[in-house]
Structure formats: C-alpha cells, structure tokens
Amino acid sequence: MNTFINIKKDLKPDVNFWELNPHLRFVSPFASLYDKDTTKNKDQSSKDMWCIFFLSEPDEDINLYYRLTYSEILNVCKNFNSDFNIEDELILQCLQEYPETCLTVIQRLLKTTKDLFKKRNQFLKEADYNFETMTAIDNAIAKTPKMEEDFDKIVQKYAEEKNKEIQLYGGRKLTAREKKTIKADISDDTELRSIEKGFDQN
C-alpha cells in the first residue's frame, strides 16, 4: 500500500507538506519545486504540493476533494492557494510524476478508473440525445453495468490492500503468503491490467 506519502485522514492542509513528507525533497521533480521556493519555511511550495495532492490522490478517505470534477478541484486549489498556477511547467511535471512516484499499481488504476468515470459521466450528461447520437449513447449506457462491475473489483482490491496494511501496522506477523507478496502481486497486477485493458476498450 501507499506508504510513500504520509497523509492521514485527520490531517489538515495547514500543516507543512514538506514536514510530513521530507523524503520528497530529494525526488525529482518535487525537489526542484522545493529548491526554487524562497518563502519562509517553504510555505508556497508546501501549498503547491497540497494542491498537487488534491488533484492527484484518488483515495477519498484522505482526499475528500477527489470526488469533485477536475475543474471543481482546481477551484478548491485557487481558494486554498491563490498563487497556484496550473500552467506552470514545474507544477505540470509534478502532477505528471505524482501517480508514478507516489501511488501503487492499484492506486494508479483506481485513479485512472475514477478519472474515466468522471469524464464519461460528464460527457453523457452534456450529450445531445437525438436521432444521430441516440445509438452511440444507448450503447455507452448499456456498457455501464459491466464497467461498474470492473470498477467494484478495483475498489475491493484497494480496500483489501488498505486493510492488510492496517493489520500489519497493528503489530501482527506476516503470513506465509504475505512473505511472498512479490509473486502474489504479479498475479494481482496481471488481473488488474486485464481490467484496465477492458476499460480502454469501452
């Protein structure tokens, strides 16, 4: 599970992001964001990192904003951090790198799937239903139950990984299977990539 980013459910964004995640100061491109910041206690880049987190972290237990649309999250970022510039090249690099560096395989798939559903729902909501478009829209709606079923599998897998992490941090010993998590994860990743491929085809 994700232990790379240290954000807990009850944490508030007024806490300095770098103090919570000092290791990111040495990981590119986040290191550049940290180094170029001349504000006291690196407050500006800390706020920028919180915005990157709001826009990138798919776990709604720790990032409530991810249930919003992309434009709505951007508004949250601007309200929280008026100097946040989504068009800044370094900010864009950090946004691109966050999923690869800070998320696990299942978290990346969760993010990709949530993003897809957001775009899909927005498209269907705004689509003009007429004789020219009705077949395509009806076909898209007909595929929804299967897509939701696949999404539920991803959510279930993610929940299982989170629960495993909670149990392990509670102090119990690893089971025999967990000591072989590399092999198990390869099998799980194969299944997840199969699901991801199915989303790409829909």
Protein backbone atom coordinates (compact mmCIF):
# COMPACT_ATOMS: atom_id res chain seq x y z
CA MET A 1 0.00 0.00 0.00
CA ASN A 2 0.92 3.63 -0.19
CA THR A 3 3.43 4.49 2.49
CA PHE A 4 5.36 6.88 0.24
CA ILE A 5 3.08 9.82 1.03
CA ASN A 6 2.43 10.48 4.69
CA ILE A 7 -1.09 11.90 4.74
CA LYS A 8 -3.60 10.67 7.29
CA LYS A 9 -7.35 11.06 7.32
CA ASP A 10 -7.43 13.71 10.05
CA LEU A 11 -4.60 15.87 8.70
CA LYS A 12 -5.39 19.40 7.57
CA PRO A 13 -3.63 21.25 4.72
CA ASP A 14 -2.40 24.00 7.02
CA VAL A 15 0.32 21.53 8.07
CA ASN A 16 3.51 21.95 6.04
CA PHE A 17 3.56 19.28 3.35
CA TRP A 18 7.36 19.01 3.40
CA GLU A 19 7.42 18.36 7.14
CA LEU A 20 5.06 15.46 6.60
CA ASN A 21 6.99 14.18 3.58
CA PRO A 22 10.63 15.28 3.88
CA HIS A 23 11.78 12.47 1.57
CA LEU A 24 10.06 14.14 -1.40
CA ARG A 25 12.57 16.99 -1.17
CA PHE A 26 15.09 14.69 -2.83
CA VAL A 27 12.84 13.20 -5.54
CA SER A 28 12.62 14.87 -8.93
CA PRO A 29 10.68 16.95 -9.94
CA PHE A 30 9.40 17.68 -6.42
CA ALA A 31 12.95 18.52 -5.35
CA SER A 32 13.04 21.37 -7.87
CA LEU A 33 9.75 22.74 -6.56
CA TYR A 34 11.22 22.71 -3.05
CA ASP A 35 14.59 24.19 -4.01
CA LYS A 36 13.24 27.12 -6.01
CA ASP A 37 10.90 28.24 -3.20
CA THR A 38 12.28 31.28 -1.35
CA THR A 39 9.33 31.76 1.01
CA LYS A 40 9.69 31.24 4.75
CA ASN A 41 9.53 27.54 5.70
CA LYS A 42 8.91 26.75 2.04
CA ASP A 43 5.28 27.69 2.64
CA GLN A 44 4.43 28.40 -1.01
CA SER A 45 5.75 25.12 -2.38
CA SER A 46 4.06 23.33 0.53
CA LYS A 47 0.73 24.79 -0.59
CA ASP A 48 1.53 23.86 -4.18
CA MET A 49 2.16 20.27 -3.08
CA TRP A 50 -1.14 20.18 -1.25
CA CYS A 51 -2.85 21.27 -4.48
CA ILE A 52 -0.99 18.58 -6.41
CA PHE A 53 -2.21 16.13 -3.78
CA PHE A 54 -5.81 17.37 -4.11
CA LEU A 55 -5.64 16.87 -7.89
CA SER A 56 -3.85 13.52 -7.87
CA GLU A 57 -4.65 11.42 -4.82
CA PRO A 58 -7.62 9.09 -5.57
CA ASP A 59 -8.16 7.84 -2.00
CA GLU A 60 -11.19 9.81 -0.84
CA ASP A 61 -10.61 8.76 2.77
CA ILE A 62 -7.68 11.16 2.86
CA ASN A 63 -8.58 13.41 -0.08
CA LEU A 64 -12.27 14.30 0.00
CA TYR A 65 -11.87 16.63 -2.96
CA TYR A 66 -11.22 13.82 -5.44
CA ARG A 67 -14.93 13.11 -5.72
CA LEU A 68 -15.29 16.53 -7.36
CA THR A 69 -14.76 17.26 -11.05
CA TYR A 70 -11.33 18.40 -12.19
CA SER A 71 -12.47 22.00 -12.63
CA GLU A 72 -14.05 21.98 -9.18
CA ILE A 73 -10.82 20.71 -7.62
CA LEU A 74 -8.95 23.48 -9.42
CA ASN A 75 -11.29 26.00 -7.82
CA VAL A 76 -10.55 24.45 -4.43
CA CYS A 77 -6.84 24.84 -5.14
CA LYS A 78 -7.22 28.50 -6.07
CA ASN A 79 -9.30 29.21 -2.95
CA PHE A 80 -6.73 27.45 -0.80
CA ASN A 81 -3.68 28.76 -2.64
CA SER A 82 -4.28 31.90 -4.69
CA ASP A 83 -0.78 31.71 -6.21
CA PHE A 84 -1.23 28.17 -7.52
CA ASN A 85 -0.52 28.15 -11.26
CA ILE A 86 -1.74 25.03 -13.02
CA GLU A 87 0.06 26.13 -16.20
CA ASP A 88 3.46 26.38 -14.55
CA GLU A 89 5.82 23.89 -16.20
CA LEU A 90 7.19 22.58 -12.91
CA ILE A 91 3.71 22.16 -11.44
CA LEU A 92 2.70 20.19 -14.53
CA GLN A 93 5.77 17.97 -14.16
CA CYS A 94 4.87 17.27 -10.54
CA LEU A 95 1.28 16.47 -11.48
CA GLN A 96 2.51 14.05 -14.12
CA GLU A 97 5.01 12.39 -11.80
CA TYR A 98 2.83 12.11 -8.69
CA PRO A 99 0.93 8.96 -9.79
CA GLU A 100 4.11 7.22 -10.93
CA THR A 101 6.15 8.02 -7.83
CA CYS A 102 3.61 8.29 -5.05
CA LEU A 103 0.93 5.73 -5.92
CA THR A 104 0.94 1.94 -6.00
CA VAL A 105 -0.21 -0.03 -9.05
CA ILE A 106 -3.72 -0.46 -7.65
CA GLN A 107 -3.90 3.21 -6.68
CA ARG A 108 -2.90 4.27 -10.18
CA LEU A 109 -5.59 2.03 -11.64
CA LEU A 110 -8.10 3.41 -9.14
CA LYS A 111 -7.18 6.94 -10.19
CA THR A 112 -7.36 6.13 -13.91
CA THR A 113 -10.76 4.50 -13.50
CA LYS A 114 -12.20 7.30 -11.40
CA ASP A 115 -10.96 9.85 -13.93
CA LEU A 116 -12.55 7.85 -16.73
CA PHE A 117 -15.91 7.68 -14.96
CA LYS A 118 -15.83 11.41 -14.24
CA LYS A 119 -15.20 12.24 -17.91
CA ARG A 120 -17.70 9.66 -19.09
CA ASN A 121 -20.46 10.84 -16.78
CA GLN A 122 -19.82 14.46 -17.74
CA PHE A 123 -19.94 13.56 -21.42
CA LEU A 124 -23.21 11.64 -21.09
CA LYS A 125 -24.66 14.44 -19.02
CA GLU A 126 -23.88 17.04 -21.67
CA ALA A 127 -24.51 14.92 -24.77
CA ASP A 128 -27.38 15.93 -27.02
CA TYR A 129 -29.72 12.96 -27.31
CA ASN A 130 -31.17 12.89 -30.83
CA PHE A 131 -31.62 10.52 -33.79
CA GLU A 132 -27.98 10.95 -34.83
CA THR A 133 -26.48 10.30 -31.38
CA MET A 134 -29.01 8.03 -29.67
CA THR A 135 -27.43 4.72 -30.82
CA ALA A 136 -23.97 5.66 -29.57
CA ILE A 137 -25.35 7.00 -26.28
CA ASP A 138 -27.56 3.94 -25.75
CA ASN A 139 -24.59 1.65 -26.39
CA ALA A 140 -22.49 3.59 -23.91
CA ILE A 141 -25.21 3.36 -21.26
CA ALA A 142 -25.61 -0.39 -21.93
CA LYS A 143 -21.92 -0.92 -21.13
CA THR A 144 -22.21 0.91 -17.80
CA PRO A 145 -23.13 -2.13 -15.61
CA LYS A 146 -20.06 -4.08 -16.80
CA MET A 147 -17.80 -1.08 -16.25
CA GLU A 148 -19.22 -0.58 -12.77
CA GLU A 149 -18.62 -4.27 -12.03
CA ASP A 150 -14.97 -3.93 -13.05
CA PHE A 151 -14.66 -0.75 -11.02
CA ASP A 152 -16.05 -2.54 -7.96
CA LYS A 153 -13.29 -5.16 -8.34
CA ILE A 154 -10.66 -2.42 -8.28
CA VAL A 155 -12.23 -0.78 -5.23
CA GLN A 156 -12.41 -4.15 -3.46
CA LYS A 157 -8.77 -4.90 -4.24
CA TYR A 158 -7.76 -1.49 -2.94
CA ALA A 159 -9.79 -1.98 0.23
CA GLU A 160 -8.12 -5.34 0.82
CA GLU A 161 -4.65 -3.79 0.49
CA LYS A 162 -5.58 -0.99 2.88
CA ASN A 163 -6.95 -3.46 5.40
CA LYS A 164 -3.81 -5.58 5.12
CA GLU A 165 -1.66 -2.52 5.82
CA ILE A 166 -3.75 -1.59 8.88
CA GLN A 167 -3.43 -5.12 10.26
CA LEU A 168 0.32 -5.22 9.70
CA TYR A 169 0.87 -1.89 11.37
CA GLY A 170 -1.17 -3.25 14.25
CA GLY A 171 1.75 -5.49 15.05
CA ARG A 172 0.88 -8.98 13.82
CA LYS A 173 3.41 -11.08 11.94
CA LEU A 174 3.40 -11.59 8.19
CA THR A 175 1.68 -14.74 7.00
CA ALA A 176 3.43 -17.19 4.71
CA ARG A 177 1.57 -15.80 1.72
CA GLU A 178 2.40 -12.21 2.61
CA LYS A 179 6.09 -13.09 2.81
CA LYS A 180 5.75 -13.96 -0.88
CA THR A 181 3.93 -10.79 -1.85
CA ILE A 182 6.11 -10.27 -4.91
CA LYS A 183 4.69 -13.37 -6.57
CA ALA A 184 1.18 -12.60 -5.37
CA ASP A 185 1.39 -9.02 -6.59
CA ILE A 186 2.48 -10.15 -10.05
CA SER A 187 -0.67 -12.26 -10.31
CA ASP A 188 -2.83 -9.47 -8.93
CA ASP A 189 -1.27 -6.91 -11.29
CA THR A 190 -1.97 -9.18 -14.26
CA GLU A 191 -5.65 -9.31 -13.30
CA LEU A 192 -5.77 -5.57 -12.73
CA ARG A 193 -4.10 -4.80 -16.06
CA SER A 194 -6.69 -7.06 -17.71
CA ILE A 195 -9.43 -4.97 -16.14
CA GLU A 196 -7.66 -1.77 -17.19
CA LYS A 197 -7.47 -3.05 -20.77
CA GLY A 198 -11.20 -3.66 -20.67
CA PHE A 199 -11.80 -0.04 -19.65
CA ASP A 200 -9.63 1.19 -22.52
CA GLN A 201 -11.76 -0.76 -24.96
CA ASN A 202 -15.05 0.68 -23.66
